[in-house]
Structure formats: structure tokens, C-alpha cells
Amino acid sequence: MAYKGALMIGDELLLQGLKKCKSLGALAMVHAENGDAVDEGQKKMIELGITGPEEHALSRPPVLEGEATARAIHLADFVNTPLYVVHVMSIDATEEIAKARTSGS
């Protein structure tokens, strides 16, 4: 879900992967970011002349990780397969994971 133009996959391929993991009994793992929105954020940072290490954090506001985490959780729940979200760094994503655990997802 992260790194548009390199590793990012869209929802269609994510669903296929989740289904394959379910059929194999494997644990699906995702790096949950909204790659399209992060790409836009990175372009904005470049336009503003922000190209140092701070660009990474500024182009990835917590709301984007939260949205992607929620989307991955909902898709895994739809497929009925377990999910492990890696590299969680925001309160938004943490809250989505806590919500899913509380609801039994």
C-alpha cells in the first residue's frame, strides 16, 4: 500500500493477496499508507522546497496512515483472514487497530 511507483499495490491486488493468504493459511502483512495521497504530499513538499529528512514525516500525516490501516483491516475482515499491520507510527493507525481488536476483527 506504500511507495507509489515502486512497491504500492491497489485494493484489487490487495484483495487478491488477502484471498491467497487465506487459502494458504498465511498471515497477511501490510505497510498501510495511502500511497496516492502520500505521493501528492511529497510533490507538495518538493514544490515548497522541503527535500530533507523532514519531508518524509510531513508528507505522511497521521490521517493517511489511519485511513489506510482502516481500509486494510476492513478488506481483511471482508475476506475473513488475519492481518498484521507493520510500521505503525501514528495514533490514527493505532486507534484503528485497537478498534478492530475490540470489535473482534
Protein backbone atom coordinates (compact mmCIF):
# COMPACT_ATOMS: atom_id res chain seq x y z
CA MET A 1 0.00 0.00 0.00
CA ALA A 2 3.05 2.25 0.34
CA TYR A 3 5.58 3.69 -2.11
CA LYS A 4 3.69 4.58 -5.28
CA GLY A 5 5.58 3.61 -8.42
CA ALA A 6 7.73 1.06 -6.58
CA LEU A 7 6.03 -1.36 -4.18
CA MET A 8 2.49 0.02 -3.86
CA ILE A 9 -0.46 -2.16 -4.76
CA GLY A 10 -4.06 -1.08 -5.12
CA ASP A 11 -7.14 -2.54 -3.48
CA GLU A 12 -7.78 -5.09 -6.25
CA LEU A 13 -4.35 -6.69 -5.83
CA LEU A 14 -4.56 -6.35 -2.04
CA LEU A 15 -7.83 -8.30 -2.09
CA GLN A 16 -6.24 -10.99 -4.28
CA GLY A 17 -3.31 -11.22 -1.87
CA LEU A 18 -5.57 -11.46 1.16
CA LYS A 19 -7.55 -14.25 -0.51
CA LYS A 20 -4.34 -16.10 -1.36
CA CYS A 21 -3.08 -15.76 2.22
CA LYS A 22 -6.38 -17.13 3.46
CA SER A 23 -6.18 -20.13 1.11
CA LEU A 24 -2.63 -20.87 2.27
CA GLY A 25 -3.28 -20.25 5.96
CA ALA A 26 -0.68 -17.47 5.79
CA LEU A 27 -0.65 -14.24 7.77
CA ALA A 28 -1.07 -11.22 5.51
CA MET A 29 1.14 -8.25 6.38
CA VAL A 30 0.76 -4.72 5.04
CA HIS A 31 2.61 -1.44 5.29
CA ALA A 32 -0.55 0.64 5.47
CA GLU A 33 -0.17 4.02 3.80
CA ASN A 34 -2.34 5.77 1.28
CA GLY A 35 0.34 5.72 -1.42
CA ASP A 36 -1.55 8.02 -3.78
CA ALA A 37 -2.09 10.69 -1.14
CA VAL A 38 1.49 10.40 0.16
CA ASP A 39 2.73 10.87 -3.41
CA GLU A 40 0.72 14.09 -3.62
CA GLY A 41 2.15 15.18 -0.26
CA GLN A 42 5.68 14.52 -1.46
CA LYS A 43 5.09 16.61 -4.59
CA LYS A 44 3.82 19.45 -2.41
CA MET A 45 6.89 19.25 -0.19
CA ILE A 46 9.16 19.46 -3.24
CA GLU A 47 7.21 22.49 -4.50
CA LEU A 48 7.79 24.11 -1.10
CA GLY A 49 11.50 23.30 -1.27
CA ILE A 50 11.32 20.80 1.60
CA THR A 51 13.57 17.96 0.47
CA GLY A 52 15.42 16.91 3.62
CA PRO A 53 14.52 14.11 6.01
CA GLU A 54 11.64 16.17 7.42
CA GLU A 55 9.85 15.70 4.07
CA HIS A 56 9.19 12.09 4.96
CA ALA A 57 7.16 12.91 8.06
CA LEU A 58 5.45 15.98 6.62
CA SER A 59 4.22 14.10 3.54
CA ARG A 60 2.69 11.36 5.70
CA PRO A 61 0.19 12.95 8.09
CA PRO A 62 -1.35 10.57 10.64
CA VAL A 63 -4.76 10.68 8.96
CA LEU A 64 -3.33 8.94 5.86
CA GLU A 65 -1.88 6.06 7.84
CA GLY A 66 -5.14 5.79 9.78
CA GLU A 67 -7.22 5.69 6.61
CA ALA A 68 -5.02 3.05 5.00
CA THR A 69 -4.91 0.96 8.17
CA ALA A 70 -8.70 1.04 8.45
CA ARG A 71 -9.04 0.12 4.77
CA ALA A 72 -6.66 -2.83 5.09
CA ILE A 73 -8.45 -4.03 8.24
CA HIS A 74 -11.86 -3.80 6.56
CA LEU A 75 -10.66 -5.66 3.46
CA ALA A 76 -9.06 -8.42 5.56
CA ASP A 77 -12.26 -8.65 7.57
CA PHE A 78 -14.25 -8.86 4.32
CA VAL A 79 -12.05 -11.78 3.17
CA ASN A 80 -12.12 -13.21 6.71
CA THR A 81 -8.36 -13.55 7.06
CA PRO A 82 -5.96 -12.34 9.75
CA LEU A 83 -3.88 -9.22 9.14
CA TYR A 84 -0.67 -7.83 10.59
CA VAL A 85 -0.06 -4.11 10.06
CA VAL A 86 3.67 -3.29 10.09
CA HIS A 87 5.49 0.00 10.69
CA VAL A 88 2.70 1.68 12.64
CA MET A 89 3.80 5.19 13.59
CA SER A 90 0.67 7.26 14.20
CA ILE A 91 -2.06 7.48 16.78
CA ASP A 92 -4.63 7.29 13.97
CA ALA A 93 -3.39 3.87 12.85
CA THR A 94 -3.05 2.68 16.44
CA GLU A 95 -6.64 3.67 17.16
CA GLU A 96 -7.89 1.79 14.07
CA ILE A 97 -6.04 -1.34 15.18
CA ALA A 98 -7.38 -1.02 18.74
CA LYS A 99 -10.92 -0.54 17.37
CA ALA A 100 -10.59 -3.68 15.23
CA ARG A 101 -9.24 -5.73 18.14
CA THR A 102 -12.07 -4.56 20.40
CA SER A 103 -14.67 -5.49 17.80
CA GLY A 104 -13.09 -8.87 17.20
CA SER A 105 -11.91 -8.13 13.65
